[in-house]
Amino acid sequence: QQHGTKALSLLKACVVLHRQNIRLDPMFIRQVIHVYPEEVKLVDEEGNYPLHIEASIPIEKMALLDGDCTGSGHRRMGILRILLEAYPAACSFRNKENHFPLGLMIQAGRVWGHTIAVALQAFPPALHWYKGLDDRFSAILLEKASKECGADTLFALIKSRPGLFEAASC
């Protein structure tokens, strides 16, 4: 729907409310994505897809946002995976602050797992745009990428940053 020049988005409203510590049952968000799948492709005025917004929620807030919800279907952590699976192309877009969803996940303290692997597979060069990685962490990510994301992702990472394996000059 359109109202004036701004698009109304139930999914965006759900994610923004969660970001502001207003608890919604994660199952409700899953249902919104199921009923209105096109909403995962809507961008807000800051250039954020719902994936960007969800990826930027700090890991410390996850239990708070889950509230008293029980069962795996109600866990907040799965929302990111659902958004990634619904529109993986969002991983290749930077918001107006120049952040890819992968970088936002790392900043928010997400640990390596299915969601990071899916984001990395969807757009490997995003890893090189994140400025917070030191060489040791990059090596760990490359190892995990080779094991869990496959050769194509590892090749894309190396191809997008050819100087990755050049020896540091003394």
N, C-alpha and C. Protein backbone atom coordinates (compact mmCIF):
# COMPACT_ATOMS: atom_id res chain seq x y z
N GLN A 1 0.83 -1.18 0.00
CA GLN A 1 0.00 0.00 0.00
C GLN A 1 0.88 1.24 0.00
N GLN A 2 0.34 2.30 -0.56
CA GLN A 2 1.05 3.58 -0.55
C GLN A 2 0.22 4.61 0.19
N HIS A 3 0.84 5.41 1.01
CA HIS A 3 0.18 6.52 1.70
C HIS A 3 1.06 7.73 1.45
N GLY A 4 0.60 8.62 0.60
CA GLY A 4 1.46 9.74 0.20
C GLY A 4 2.62 9.19 -0.59
N THR A 5 3.85 9.54 -0.17
CA THR A 5 5.02 9.03 -0.87
C THR A 5 5.72 7.94 -0.07
N LYS A 6 5.24 7.64 1.13
CA LYS A 6 5.90 6.63 1.95
C LYS A 6 5.13 5.32 1.92
N ALA A 7 5.85 4.23 1.77
CA ALA A 7 5.24 2.91 1.77
C ALA A 7 4.97 2.48 3.20
N LEU A 8 3.82 1.89 3.43
CA LEU A 8 3.49 1.32 4.73
C LEU A 8 3.93 -0.13 4.72
N SER A 9 4.59 -0.55 5.78
CA SER A 9 5.09 -1.91 5.83
C SER A 9 4.85 -2.50 7.21
N LEU A 10 4.06 -3.55 7.26
CA LEU A 10 3.81 -4.23 8.52
C LEU A 10 5.08 -4.89 9.01
N LEU A 11 5.86 -5.48 8.11
CA LEU A 11 7.10 -6.12 8.50
C LEU A 11 8.07 -5.10 9.08
N LYS A 12 8.23 -3.97 8.41
CA LYS A 12 9.14 -2.92 8.90
C LYS A 12 8.69 -2.45 10.28
N ALA A 13 7.39 -2.28 10.46
CA ALA A 13 6.87 -1.86 11.77
C ALA A 13 7.20 -2.88 12.84
N CYS A 14 7.07 -4.16 12.53
CA CYS A 14 7.40 -5.22 13.49
C CYS A 14 8.87 -5.16 13.89
N VAL A 15 9.74 -5.06 12.90
CA VAL A 15 11.17 -5.05 13.17
C VAL A 15 11.56 -3.79 13.95
N VAL A 16 11.03 -2.64 13.56
CA VAL A 16 11.35 -1.39 14.26
C VAL A 16 10.85 -1.43 15.70
N LEU A 17 9.67 -1.96 15.93
CA LEU A 17 9.15 -2.08 17.29
C LEU A 17 10.06 -2.97 18.13
N HIS A 18 10.52 -4.07 17.56
CA HIS A 18 11.44 -4.95 18.29
C HIS A 18 12.75 -4.23 18.60
N ARG A 19 13.20 -3.43 17.66
CA ARG A 19 14.45 -2.69 17.86
C ARG A 19 14.33 -1.70 19.02
N GLN A 20 13.10 -1.25 19.28
CA GLN A 20 12.85 -0.30 20.36
C GLN A 20 12.41 -1.01 21.65
N ASN A 21 12.69 -2.30 21.74
CA ASN A 21 12.38 -3.11 22.92
C ASN A 21 10.89 -3.27 23.17
N ILE A 22 10.07 -3.10 22.17
CA ILE A 22 8.65 -3.39 22.28
C ILE A 22 8.47 -4.82 21.81
N ARG A 23 8.05 -5.68 22.72
CA ARG A 23 8.03 -7.10 22.42
C ARG A 23 6.84 -7.51 21.55
N LEU A 24 7.16 -8.14 20.45
CA LEU A 24 6.17 -8.79 19.60
C LEU A 24 6.57 -10.25 19.55
N ASP A 25 5.62 -11.11 19.53
CA ASP A 25 5.91 -12.52 19.41
C ASP A 25 6.62 -12.75 18.07
N PRO A 26 7.83 -13.33 18.09
CA PRO A 26 8.53 -13.59 16.83
C PRO A 26 7.69 -14.42 15.86
N MET A 27 6.79 -15.22 16.38
CA MET A 27 5.91 -16.01 15.52
C MET A 27 5.02 -15.08 14.68
N PHE A 28 4.64 -13.93 15.26
CA PHE A 28 3.84 -12.95 14.53
C PHE A 28 4.65 -12.40 13.35
N ILE A 29 5.92 -12.11 13.58
CA ILE A 29 6.78 -11.59 12.51
C ILE A 29 6.93 -12.64 11.41
N ARG A 30 7.10 -13.90 11.81
CA ARG A 30 7.19 -14.98 10.82
C ARG A 30 5.92 -15.02 9.96
N GLN A 31 4.78 -14.85 10.61
CA GLN A 31 3.51 -14.88 9.89
C GLN A 31 3.40 -13.71 8.91
N VAL A 32 3.85 -12.53 9.34
CA VAL A 32 3.85 -11.36 8.45
C VAL A 32 4.69 -11.63 7.21
N ILE A 33 5.87 -12.22 7.40
CA ILE A 33 6.74 -12.53 6.27
C ILE A 33 6.07 -13.55 5.35
N HIS A 34 5.38 -14.50 5.95
CA HIS A 34 4.69 -15.53 5.17
C HIS A 34 3.54 -14.93 4.35
N VAL A 35 2.75 -14.05 4.98
CA VAL A 35 1.57 -13.48 4.32
C VAL A 35 1.95 -12.36 3.35
N TYR A 36 2.97 -11.56 3.70
CA TYR A 36 3.39 -10.43 2.87
C TYR A 36 4.87 -10.57 2.49
N PRO A 37 5.24 -11.59 1.72
CA PRO A 37 6.66 -11.82 1.42
C PRO A 37 7.33 -10.67 0.67
N GLU A 38 6.56 -9.88 -0.06
CA GLU A 38 7.15 -8.77 -0.82
C GLU A 38 7.72 -7.68 0.10
N GLU A 39 7.31 -7.68 1.35
CA GLU A 39 7.79 -6.64 2.27
C GLU A 39 9.26 -6.77 2.62
N VAL A 40 9.86 -7.95 2.43
CA VAL A 40 11.29 -8.10 2.71
C VAL A 40 12.13 -7.31 1.72
N LYS A 41 11.49 -6.83 0.63
CA LYS A 41 12.20 -6.06 -0.40
C LYS A 41 11.98 -4.56 -0.28
N LEU A 42 11.28 -4.12 0.77
CA LEU A 42 11.03 -2.69 0.96
C LEU A 42 12.21 -2.05 1.68
N VAL A 43 12.55 -0.85 1.25
CA VAL A 43 13.68 -0.11 1.82
C VAL A 43 13.14 1.13 2.52
N ASP A 44 13.69 1.42 3.71
CA ASP A 44 13.25 2.63 4.41
C ASP A 44 14.07 3.83 3.94
N GLU A 45 13.80 4.98 4.52
CA GLU A 45 14.45 6.23 4.09
C GLU A 45 15.94 6.25 4.39
N GLU A 46 16.42 5.32 5.25
CA GLU A 46 17.85 5.23 5.56
C GLU A 46 18.56 4.18 4.70
N GLY A 47 17.83 3.61 3.74
CA GLY A 47 18.41 2.60 2.88
C GLY A 47 18.46 1.21 3.49
N ASN A 48 17.71 1.01 4.56
CA ASN A 48 17.70 -0.28 5.25
C ASN A 48 16.57 -1.17 4.76
N TYR A 49 16.94 -2.38 4.40
CA TYR A 49 15.95 -3.43 4.19
C TYR A 49 15.62 -3.98 5.58
N PRO A 50 14.53 -4.73 5.73
CA PRO A 50 14.28 -5.36 7.03
C PRO A 50 15.48 -6.18 7.51
N LEU A 51 16.23 -6.77 6.57
CA LEU A 51 17.42 -7.53 6.93
C LEU A 51 18.46 -6.65 7.63
N HIS A 52 18.67 -5.43 7.14
CA HIS A 52 19.61 -4.51 7.78
C HIS A 52 19.17 -4.21 9.21
N ILE A 53 17.89 -3.93 9.37
CA ILE A 53 17.37 -3.56 10.68
C ILE A 53 17.53 -4.72 11.65
N GLU A 54 17.15 -5.89 11.23
CA GLU A 54 17.26 -7.07 12.09
C GLU A 54 18.71 -7.40 12.40
N ALA A 55 19.58 -7.30 11.39
CA ALA A 55 21.00 -7.61 11.58
C ALA A 55 21.68 -6.67 12.56
N SER A 56 21.15 -5.47 12.72
CA SER A 56 21.78 -4.49 13.61
C SER A 56 21.36 -4.60 15.06
N ILE A 57 20.41 -5.50 15.37
CA ILE A 57 19.98 -5.67 16.77
C ILE A 57 21.08 -6.39 17.53
N PRO A 58 21.60 -5.79 18.60
CA PRO A 58 22.69 -6.42 19.37
C PRO A 58 22.25 -7.77 19.94
N ILE A 59 23.19 -8.68 19.97
CA ILE A 59 22.93 -10.03 20.46
C ILE A 59 22.42 -10.02 21.90
N GLU A 60 22.85 -9.01 22.68
CA GLU A 60 22.43 -8.93 24.08
C GLU A 60 20.93 -8.73 24.22
N LYS A 61 20.30 -8.15 23.20
CA LYS A 61 18.87 -7.87 23.27
C LYS A 61 18.01 -9.06 22.86
N MET A 62 18.61 -10.11 22.33
CA MET A 62 17.82 -11.22 21.79
C MET A 62 16.92 -11.85 22.85
N ALA A 63 17.46 -12.16 24.03
CA ALA A 63 16.65 -12.80 25.07
C ALA A 63 15.54 -11.85 25.53
N LEU A 64 15.86 -10.57 25.63
CA LEU A 64 14.86 -9.58 26.03
C LEU A 64 13.72 -9.53 25.01
N LEU A 65 14.08 -9.56 23.73
CA LEU A 65 13.07 -9.48 22.68
C LEU A 65 12.24 -10.75 22.59
N ASP A 66 12.83 -11.88 22.99
CA ASP A 66 12.06 -13.12 23.01
C ASP A 66 11.03 -13.09 24.14
N GLY A 67 11.33 -12.34 25.20
CA GLY A 67 10.39 -12.23 26.32
C GLY A 67 10.06 -13.59 26.90
N ASP A 68 8.80 -13.85 27.12
CA ASP A 68 8.36 -15.11 27.71
C ASP A 68 8.00 -16.15 26.67
N CYS A 69 8.39 -15.92 25.43
CA CYS A 69 8.05 -16.85 24.35
C CYS A 69 8.72 -18.19 24.59
N THR A 70 8.04 -19.24 24.25
CA THR A 70 8.62 -20.57 24.40
C THR A 70 8.55 -21.30 23.07
N GLY A 71 9.42 -22.28 22.93
CA GLY A 71 9.44 -23.07 21.70
C GLY A 71 10.34 -22.46 20.64
N SER A 72 10.88 -23.31 19.80
CA SER A 72 11.83 -22.83 18.79
C SER A 72 11.17 -21.89 17.78
N GLY A 73 9.88 -22.05 17.53
CA GLY A 73 9.20 -21.17 16.58
C GLY A 73 9.08 -19.75 17.05
N HIS A 74 9.27 -19.53 18.34
CA HIS A 74 9.11 -18.21 18.91
C HIS A 74 10.44 -17.49 19.14
N ARG A 75 11.54 -18.11 18.82
CA ARG A 75 12.84 -17.52 19.11
C ARG A 75 13.20 -16.45 18.09
N ARG A 76 13.69 -15.35 18.59
CA ARG A 76 14.03 -14.19 17.76
C ARG A 76 15.17 -14.49 16.78
N MET A 77 16.10 -15.33 17.17
CA MET A 77 17.27 -15.58 16.33
C MET A 77 16.87 -16.09 14.94
N GLY A 78 15.76 -16.80 14.84
CA GLY A 78 15.35 -17.35 13.55
C GLY A 78 14.83 -16.32 12.57
N ILE A 79 14.47 -15.13 13.06
CA ILE A 79 13.93 -14.09 12.17
C ILE A 79 14.98 -13.68 11.13
N LEU A 80 16.20 -13.53 11.58
CA LEU A 80 17.28 -13.15 10.66
C LEU A 80 17.42 -14.20 9.55
N ARG A 81 17.39 -15.47 9.93
CA ARG A 81 17.50 -16.54 8.94
C ARG A 81 16.34 -16.49 7.95
N ILE A 82 15.13 -16.25 8.44
CA ILE A 82 13.97 -16.17 7.56
C ILE A 82 14.12 -15.02 6.57
N LEU A 83 14.58 -13.87 7.05
CA LEU A 83 14.79 -12.72 6.17
C LEU A 83 15.86 -13.02 5.13
N LEU A 84 16.93 -13.70 5.54
CA LEU A 84 18.00 -14.07 4.60
C LEU A 84 17.48 -15.02 3.53
N GLU A 85 16.69 -15.98 3.94
CA GLU A 85 16.18 -16.95 2.98
C GLU A 85 15.12 -16.33 2.06
N ALA A 86 14.35 -15.39 2.60
CA ALA A 86 13.29 -14.75 1.80
C ALA A 86 13.86 -13.81 0.74
N TYR A 87 14.97 -13.12 1.06
CA TYR A 87 15.53 -12.16 0.11
C TYR A 87 17.04 -12.04 0.32
N PRO A 88 17.79 -13.07 -0.10
CA PRO A 88 19.24 -13.04 0.09
C PRO A 88 19.93 -11.89 -0.64
N ALA A 89 19.32 -11.37 -1.70
CA ALA A 89 19.93 -10.27 -2.46
C ALA A 89 20.10 -9.02 -1.59
N ALA A 90 19.35 -8.89 -0.51
CA ALA A 90 19.51 -7.74 0.40
C ALA A 90 20.92 -7.68 0.98
N CYS A 91 21.60 -8.81 1.01
CA CYS A 91 22.98 -8.86 1.52
C CYS A 91 23.94 -8.03 0.67
N SER A 92 23.58 -7.78 -0.57
CA SER A 92 24.48 -7.06 -1.48
C SER A 92 24.24 -5.55 -1.51
N PHE A 93 23.32 -5.08 -0.67
CA PHE A 93 23.01 -3.65 -0.65
C PHE A 93 23.52 -2.99 0.62
N ARG A 94 24.15 -1.83 0.45
CA ARG A 94 24.58 -1.02 1.59
C ARG A 94 23.48 -0.02 1.93
N ASN A 95 23.33 0.25 3.22
CA ASN A 95 22.40 1.31 3.60
C ASN A 95 23.09 2.66 3.46
N LYS A 96 22.43 3.73 3.84
CA LYS A 96 23.00 5.07 3.66
C LYS A 96 24.23 5.32 4.54
N GLU A 97 24.42 4.49 5.57
CA GLU A 97 25.62 4.59 6.41
C GLU A 97 26.74 3.71 5.86
N ASN A 98 26.53 3.14 4.67
CA ASN A 98 27.52 2.33 3.97
C ASN A 98 27.74 0.94 4.59
N HIS A 99 26.74 0.41 5.28
CA HIS A 99 26.86 -0.89 5.93
C HIS A 99 26.09 -1.96 5.17
N PHE A 100 26.76 -3.09 4.96
CA PHE A 100 26.10 -4.28 4.45
C PHE A 100 25.50 -5.03 5.65
N PRO A 101 24.46 -5.85 5.44
CA PRO A 101 23.92 -6.63 6.55
C PRO A 101 24.97 -7.50 7.26
N LEU A 102 25.91 -8.09 6.52
CA LEU A 102 26.94 -8.92 7.13
C LEU A 102 27.75 -8.14 8.15
N GLY A 103 28.16 -6.91 7.79
CA GLY A 103 28.91 -6.07 8.73
C GLY A 103 28.09 -5.72 9.95
N LEU A 104 26.80 -5.47 9.75
CA LEU A 104 25.91 -5.17 10.88
C LEU A 104 25.78 -6.37 11.81
N MET A 105 25.75 -7.57 11.24
CA MET A 105 25.68 -8.78 12.06
C MET A 105 26.93 -8.91 12.92
N ILE A 106 28.08 -8.65 12.33
CA ILE A 106 29.34 -8.75 13.07
C ILE A 106 29.38 -7.68 14.16
N GLN A 107 29.00 -6.45 13.82
CA GLN A 107 28.97 -5.37 14.82
C GLN A 107 28.04 -5.68 15.98
N ALA A 108 26.92 -6.33 15.68
CA ALA A 108 25.92 -6.63 16.70
C ALA A 108 26.30 -7.83 17.57
N GLY A 109 27.41 -8.47 17.24
CA GLY A 109 27.90 -9.57 18.06
C GLY A 109 27.37 -10.94 17.67
N ARG A 110 26.83 -11.05 16.46
CA ARG A 110 26.35 -12.37 16.03
C ARG A 110 27.54 -13.30 15.89
N VAL A 111 27.39 -14.50 16.36
CA VAL A 111 28.46 -15.47 16.26
C VAL A 111 28.31 -16.24 14.96
N TRP A 112 29.41 -16.90 14.56
CA TRP A 112 29.37 -17.67 13.34
C TRP A 112 28.28 -18.73 13.48
N GLY A 113 27.54 -18.88 12.45
CA GLY A 113 26.47 -19.87 12.44
C GLY A 113 25.80 -19.82 11.09
N HIS A 114 24.65 -20.44 11.02
CA HIS A 114 23.93 -20.54 9.75
C HIS A 114 23.67 -19.16 9.14
N THR A 115 23.28 -18.18 9.95
CA THR A 115 22.93 -16.87 9.40
C THR A 115 24.14 -16.16 8.81
N ILE A 116 25.26 -16.20 9.50
CA ILE A 116 26.48 -15.56 8.97
C ILE A 116 26.89 -16.28 7.68
N ALA A 117 26.83 -17.60 7.68
CA ALA A 117 27.21 -18.36 6.49
C ALA A 117 26.31 -18.01 5.31
N VAL A 118 25.00 -17.89 5.54
CA VAL A 118 24.07 -17.56 4.46
C VAL A 118 24.36 -16.15 3.94
N ALA A 119 24.60 -15.20 4.84
CA ALA A 119 24.91 -13.82 4.42
C ALA A 119 26.21 -13.77 3.64
N LEU A 120 27.20 -14.53 4.08
CA LEU A 120 28.48 -14.56 3.38
C LEU A 120 28.34 -15.20 2.01
N GLN A 121 27.57 -16.28 1.91
CA GLN A 121 27.35 -16.92 0.62
C GLN A 121 26.59 -16.00 -0.33
N ALA A 122 25.64 -15.23 0.20
CA ALA A 122 24.82 -14.37 -0.64
C ALA A 122 25.63 -13.24 -1.27
N PHE A 123 26.62 -12.71 -0.52
CA PHE A 123 27.44 -11.62 -1.06
C PHE A 123 28.80 -11.60 -0.35
N PRO A 124 29.74 -12.47 -0.77
CA PRO A 124 31.04 -12.57 -0.11
C PRO A 124 31.83 -11.26 0.00
N PRO A 125 31.83 -10.37 -1.01
CA PRO A 125 32.64 -9.15 -0.88
C PRO A 125 32.27 -8.25 0.31
N ALA A 126 31.09 -8.42 0.86
CA ALA A 126 30.68 -7.60 2.01
C ALA A 126 31.64 -7.76 3.18
N LEU A 127 32.26 -8.93 3.28
CA LEU A 127 33.21 -9.17 4.37
C LEU A 127 34.38 -8.20 4.31
N HIS A 128 34.84 -7.88 3.11
CA HIS A 128 35.99 -7.00 2.95
C HIS A 128 35.66 -5.54 3.24
N TRP A 129 34.38 -5.19 3.20
CA TRP A 129 33.97 -3.82 3.49
C TRP A 129 33.87 -3.56 4.99
N TYR A 130 33.82 -4.62 5.77
CA TYR A 130 33.73 -4.45 7.22
C TYR A 130 35.11 -4.09 7.75
N LYS A 131 35.22 -2.97 8.43
CA LYS A 131 36.52 -2.46 8.85
C LYS A 131 37.00 -3.01 10.20
N GLY A 132 36.17 -3.76 10.91
CA GLY A 132 36.53 -4.20 12.25
C GLY A 132 37.26 -5.53 12.34
N LEU A 133 37.64 -6.13 11.22
CA LEU A 133 38.30 -7.43 11.26
C LEU A 133 39.81 -7.29 11.23
N ASP A 134 40.47 -8.00 12.13
CA ASP A 134 41.92 -8.05 12.02
C ASP A 134 42.28 -9.33 11.23
N ASP A 135 43.53 -9.49 10.90
CA ASP A 135 43.95 -10.60 10.05
C ASP A 135 43.65 -11.96 10.67
N ARG A 136 43.77 -12.08 12.00
CA ARG A 136 43.51 -13.37 12.64
C ARG A 136 42.04 -13.77 12.47
N PHE A 137 41.13 -12.81 12.68
CA PHE A 137 39.71 -13.10 12.55
C PHE A 137 39.36 -13.39 11.10
N SER A 138 39.99 -12.68 10.18
CA SER A 138 39.76 -12.93 8.75
C SER A 138 40.15 -14.36 8.40
N ALA A 139 41.27 -14.84 8.95
CA ALA A 139 41.73 -16.20 8.67
C ALA A 139 40.73 -17.23 9.21
N ILE A 140 40.19 -16.98 10.39
CA ILE A 140 39.18 -17.88 10.97
C ILE A 140 37.93 -17.90 10.10
N LEU A 141 37.50 -16.72 9.65
CA LEU A 141 36.32 -16.65 8.79
C LEU A 141 36.56 -17.36 7.46
N LEU A 142 37.74 -17.22 6.91
CA LEU A 142 38.05 -17.91 5.66
C LEU A 142 38.01 -19.42 5.84
N GLU A 143 38.53 -19.89 6.98
CA GLU A 143 38.49 -21.33 7.26
C GLU A 143 37.05 -21.82 7.37
N LYS A 144 36.24 -21.09 8.13
CA LYS A 144 34.84 -21.47 8.30
C LYS A 144 34.09 -21.38 6.97
N ALA A 145 34.39 -20.35 6.19
CA ALA A 145 33.73 -20.20 4.88
C ALA A 145 34.06 -21.38 3.98
N SER A 146 35.31 -21.83 4.00
CA SER A 146 35.69 -22.95 3.13
C SER A 146 34.98 -24.23 3.55
N LYS A 147 34.79 -24.42 4.86
CA LYS A 147 34.15 -25.64 5.34
C LYS A 147 32.63 -25.60 5.19
N GLU A 148 32.01 -24.45 5.48
CA GLU A 148 30.56 -24.40 5.57
C GLU A 148 29.86 -23.73 4.40
N CYS A 149 30.58 -22.88 3.68
CA CYS A 149 29.94 -22.16 2.57
C CYS A 149 30.32 -22.72 1.21
N GLY A 150 31.39 -23.48 1.16
CA GLY A 150 31.80 -24.10 -0.09
C GLY A 150 32.86 -23.33 -0.84
N ALA A 151 33.38 -23.99 -1.83
CA ALA A 151 34.49 -23.44 -2.62
C ALA A 151 34.10 -22.18 -3.39
N ASP A 152 32.85 -22.11 -3.85
CA ASP A 152 32.43 -20.93 -4.62
C ASP A 152 32.50 -19.66 -3.78
N THR A 153 32.07 -19.75 -2.51
CA THR A 153 32.12 -18.59 -1.62
C THR A 153 33.57 -18.22 -1.32
N LEU A 154 34.40 -19.21 -1.03
CA LEU A 154 35.81 -18.95 -0.75
C LEU A 154 36.48 -18.31 -1.96
N PHE A 155 36.21 -18.83 -3.15
CA PHE A 155 36.77 -18.26 -4.37
C PHE A 155 36.32 -16.81 -4.56
N ALA A 156 35.04 -16.54 -4.29
CA ALA A 156 34.52 -15.17 -4.44
C ALA A 156 35.18 -14.24 -3.43
N LEU A 157 35.44 -14.71 -2.22
CA LEU A 157 36.13 -13.89 -1.22
C LEU A 157 37.54 -13.54 -1.68
N ILE A 158 38.26 -14.53 -2.15
CA ILE A 158 39.64 -14.31 -2.60
C ILE A 158 39.66 -13.43 -3.85
N LYS A 159 38.75 -13.67 -4.76
CA LYS A 159 38.69 -12.89 -6.00
C LYS A 159 38.34 -11.42 -5.72
N SER A 160 37.48 -11.18 -4.72
CA SER A 160 37.08 -9.81 -4.42
C SER A 160 38.14 -9.04 -3.63
N ARG A 161 39.15 -9.74 -3.14
CA ARG A 161 40.26 -9.07 -2.45
C ARG A 161 41.55 -9.79 -2.79
N PRO A 162 42.10 -9.52 -3.98
CA PRO A 162 43.27 -10.25 -4.45
C PRO A 162 44.50 -10.14 -3.55
N GLY A 163 44.66 -9.04 -2.83
CA GLY A 163 45.83 -8.86 -1.98
C GLY A 163 45.72 -9.54 -0.63
N LEU A 164 44.69 -10.34 -0.43
CA LEU A 164 44.43 -10.96 0.86
C LEU A 164 45.60 -11.82 1.34
N PHE A 165 46.27 -12.49 0.41
CA PHE A 165 47.33 -13.40 0.80
C PHE A 165 48.73 -12.87 0.52
N GLU A 166 48.84 -11.60 0.21
CA GLU A 166 50.17 -11.04 0.01
C GLU A 166 50.86 -10.92 1.35
N ALA A 167 52.12 -11.24 1.38
CA ALA A 167 52.89 -11.15 2.63
C ALA A 167 53.05 -9.69 3.03
N ALA A 168 52.94 -9.44 4.31
CA ALA A 168 53.13 -8.08 4.81
C ALA A 168 54.60 -7.69 4.67
N SER A 169 54.84 -6.48 4.23
CA SER A 169 56.23 -6.04 4.06
C SER A 169 56.84 -5.72 5.42
N CYS A 170 58.11 -6.03 5.55
CA CYS A 170 58.81 -5.82 6.83
C CYS A 170 59.25 -4.39 7.00
